[in-house]
Amino acid sequence: MQATTDLSWIPALHVRFHLGVDGVSLPLIVLTALLTFLCALYSEKRLPGGQTRDGAPGAPGAPDGSRPSAQAFAGLFLLLEVGMLATFAVLDLLLFFLAFEIVLIPMYFLIARWGSGAKVPAANRFILYTLLGSAVMLLGFLLVGSKAGTFDMQAL
């Protein structure tokens, strides 16, 4: 494990802020960063809210003329990238769970606001299925951590 950071985060639960990169996570982090960059370039050409780069109207906005904010899109997109990169770099089960959940929040809003087709029902199904899976994953992590006495992936 290289480039590690290991700090006490929640001492009462023996949870640590433990990050690191190894031979498996490094290619995944690089690929995630590259794909996020390419998605950002694509989004630059086709701004959120239905307006193309040259200012010509694209898809119609809401009846009141309001359009989704490009700043909100960029903020959610960057929060999504933080969660994805953290998911591959964490070495603590509870911190992994937190990083995984951080990905779900911006994904819901990106799908619901800037998706296509039946975007709100799709976003609702996405959050329902992933939260149910997350609840089972959290229970499994808590069981493993309580039996082993630690949430540190390297110690496990």
Protein backbone atom coordinates (compact mmCIF):
# COMPACT_ATOMS: atom_id res chain seq x y z
CA MET A 1 0.00 0.00 0.00
CA GLN A 2 1.38 3.40 -0.98
CA ALA A 3 0.44 7.04 -0.38
CA THR A 4 -1.38 6.15 2.82
CA THR A 5 -3.08 8.46 5.27
CA ASP A 6 -4.19 7.00 8.58
CA LEU A 7 -5.84 9.33 11.11
CA SER A 8 -8.20 8.67 13.99
CA TRP A 9 -11.70 9.67 12.86
CA ILE A 10 -14.23 8.29 15.38
CA PRO A 11 -12.18 6.95 18.31
CA ALA A 12 -15.18 5.59 20.22
CA LEU A 13 -15.97 3.18 17.38
CA HIS A 14 -12.32 2.61 16.40
CA VAL A 15 -13.04 4.08 12.97
CA ARG A 16 -10.08 5.63 11.18
CA PHE A 17 -9.72 7.97 8.20
CA HIS A 18 -7.54 5.52 6.31
CA LEU A 19 -6.73 6.09 2.64
CA GLY A 20 -4.22 4.38 0.41
CA VAL A 21 -3.49 3.25 -3.12
CA ASP A 22 -2.27 -0.15 -4.28
CA GLY A 23 -1.85 -1.96 -7.59
CA VAL A 24 -5.56 -2.70 -7.89
CA SER A 25 -6.96 0.69 -6.91
CA LEU A 26 -4.47 2.86 -8.83
CA PRO A 27 -5.71 1.89 -12.34
CA LEU A 28 -9.30 2.32 -11.16
CA ILE A 29 -8.54 5.79 -9.78
CA VAL A 30 -6.76 6.81 -12.99
CA LEU A 31 -9.59 5.45 -15.14
CA THR A 32 -12.21 7.22 -13.01
CA ALA A 33 -10.34 10.52 -13.25
CA LEU A 34 -9.92 10.13 -17.02
CA LEU A 35 -13.56 9.25 -17.63
CA THR A 36 -14.74 12.08 -15.40
CA PHE A 37 -12.54 14.50 -17.34
CA LEU A 38 -13.94 13.24 -20.65
CA CYS A 39 -17.50 13.52 -19.34
CA ALA A 40 -16.76 17.08 -18.23
CA LEU A 41 -15.49 17.91 -21.72
CA TYR A 42 -18.65 16.46 -23.24
CA SER A 43 -20.80 18.40 -20.79
CA GLU A 44 -18.90 21.59 -21.71
CA LYS A 45 -20.03 21.22 -25.31
CA ARG A 46 -23.61 20.50 -24.35
CA LEU A 47 -24.43 22.69 -21.38
CA PRO A 48 -27.12 21.45 -18.98
CA GLY A 49 -30.52 23.00 -19.42
CA GLY A 50 -30.94 22.42 -23.11
CA GLN A 51 -28.75 25.23 -24.46
CA THR A 52 -25.92 24.45 -26.83
CA ARG A 53 -22.51 26.11 -26.73
CA ASP A 54 -23.35 28.63 -29.48
CA GLY A 55 -26.38 29.87 -27.51
CA ALA A 56 -29.01 28.31 -29.75
CA PRO A 57 -31.89 26.87 -27.76
CA GLY A 58 -31.89 23.14 -27.43
CA ALA A 59 -34.50 21.21 -25.51
CA PRO A 60 -37.21 23.47 -24.12
CA GLY A 61 -36.97 24.46 -20.48
CA ALA A 62 -39.73 24.57 -17.91
CA PRO A 63 -42.91 26.50 -18.79
CA ASP A 64 -41.81 29.43 -16.63
CA GLY A 65 -38.58 29.70 -18.65
CA SER A 66 -36.33 28.49 -15.84
CA ARG A 67 -33.50 26.18 -16.81
CA PRO A 68 -31.31 23.91 -14.71
CA SER A 69 -28.22 25.69 -13.46
CA ALA A 70 -24.86 24.84 -15.01
CA GLN A 71 -23.25 25.65 -11.65
CA ALA A 72 -25.46 23.12 -9.88
CA PHE A 73 -24.58 20.53 -12.52
CA ALA A 74 -20.85 21.19 -12.09
CA GLY A 75 -21.10 21.04 -8.28
CA LEU A 76 -22.99 17.75 -8.33
CA PHE A 77 -20.61 16.37 -10.95
CA LEU A 78 -17.55 17.22 -8.83
CA LEU A 79 -19.16 15.77 -5.68
CA LEU A 80 -19.83 12.61 -7.68
CA GLU A 81 -16.15 12.47 -8.70
CA VAL A 82 -15.02 12.90 -5.09
CA GLY A 83 -17.21 9.98 -4.03
CA MET A 84 -16.02 7.76 -6.86
CA LEU A 85 -12.34 8.47 -6.23
CA ALA A 86 -12.76 8.02 -2.48
CA THR A 87 -14.50 4.68 -3.01
CA PHE A 88 -11.32 3.31 -4.61
CA ALA A 89 -8.90 4.89 -2.11
CA VAL A 90 -10.45 4.17 1.31
CA LEU A 91 -9.14 1.42 3.56
CA ASP A 92 -11.84 1.49 6.24
CA LEU A 93 -15.20 -0.23 5.83
CA LEU A 94 -17.29 2.58 7.31
CA LEU A 95 -15.44 5.21 5.31
CA PHE A 96 -16.02 3.07 2.20
CA PHE A 97 -19.73 3.02 3.02
CA LEU A 98 -19.73 6.81 3.41
CA ALA A 99 -17.93 7.28 0.08
CA PHE A 100 -20.37 4.92 -1.61
CA GLU A 101 -23.32 6.88 -0.21
CA ILE A 102 -21.77 10.20 -1.28
CA VAL A 103 -21.97 8.92 -4.86
CA LEU A 104 -25.71 8.19 -4.57
CA ILE A 105 -26.82 11.71 -3.63
CA PRO A 106 -25.48 13.61 -6.65
CA MET A 107 -26.41 10.73 -8.97
CA TYR A 108 -30.04 11.00 -7.88
CA PHE A 109 -30.17 14.72 -8.61
CA LEU A 110 -28.24 14.42 -11.88
CA ILE A 111 -30.61 11.73 -13.12
CA ALA A 112 -33.74 13.52 -11.90
CA ARG A 113 -32.81 16.94 -13.26
CA TRP A 114 -30.64 16.33 -16.32
CA GLY A 115 -31.64 12.81 -17.34
CA SER A 116 -33.72 11.99 -20.39
CA GLY A 117 -37.02 10.23 -20.84
CA ALA A 118 -38.82 9.30 -17.62
CA LYS A 119 -36.09 10.83 -15.50
CA VAL A 120 -37.87 11.29 -12.16
CA PRO A 121 -39.22 7.72 -11.99
CA ALA A 122 -35.79 6.44 -13.07
CA ALA A 123 -34.11 8.49 -10.33
CA ASN A 124 -36.60 7.21 -7.76
CA ARG A 125 -35.98 3.59 -8.77
CA PHE A 126 -32.23 4.19 -8.70
CA ILE A 127 -32.26 5.60 -5.18
CA LEU A 128 -34.69 2.93 -3.92
CA TYR A 129 -32.63 0.00 -5.17
CA THR A 130 -29.27 1.42 -4.18
CA LEU A 131 -30.43 2.45 -0.70
CA LEU A 132 -31.85 -1.02 -0.08
CA GLY A 133 -28.55 -2.53 -1.20
CA SER A 134 -26.67 -0.02 0.95
CA ALA A 135 -28.66 -0.96 4.03
CA VAL A 136 -27.71 -4.62 3.58
CA MET A 137 -24.09 -3.63 2.93
CA LEU A 138 -23.98 -1.49 6.10
CA LEU A 139 -25.37 -4.34 8.17
CA GLY A 140 -22.73 -6.66 6.72
CA PHE A 141 -19.96 -4.17 7.43
CA LEU A 142 -21.15 -3.68 11.00
CA LEU A 143 -21.28 -7.45 11.50
CA VAL A 144 -17.78 -7.95 10.11
CA GLY A 145 -16.41 -5.00 12.10
CA SER A 146 -17.98 -6.12 15.36
CA LYS A 147 -16.75 -9.72 14.97
CA ALA A 148 -13.22 -8.68 13.93
CA GLY A 149 -12.96 -5.72 16.31
CA THR A 150 -11.84 -3.36 13.53
CA PHE A 151 -13.11 -1.78 10.34
CA ASP A 152 -9.62 -1.45 8.84
CA MET A 153 -9.46 -3.34 5.53
CA GLN A 154 -5.75 -4.02 5.82
CA ALA A 155 -6.17 -5.60 9.24
CA LEU A 156 -9.14 -7.63 8.02
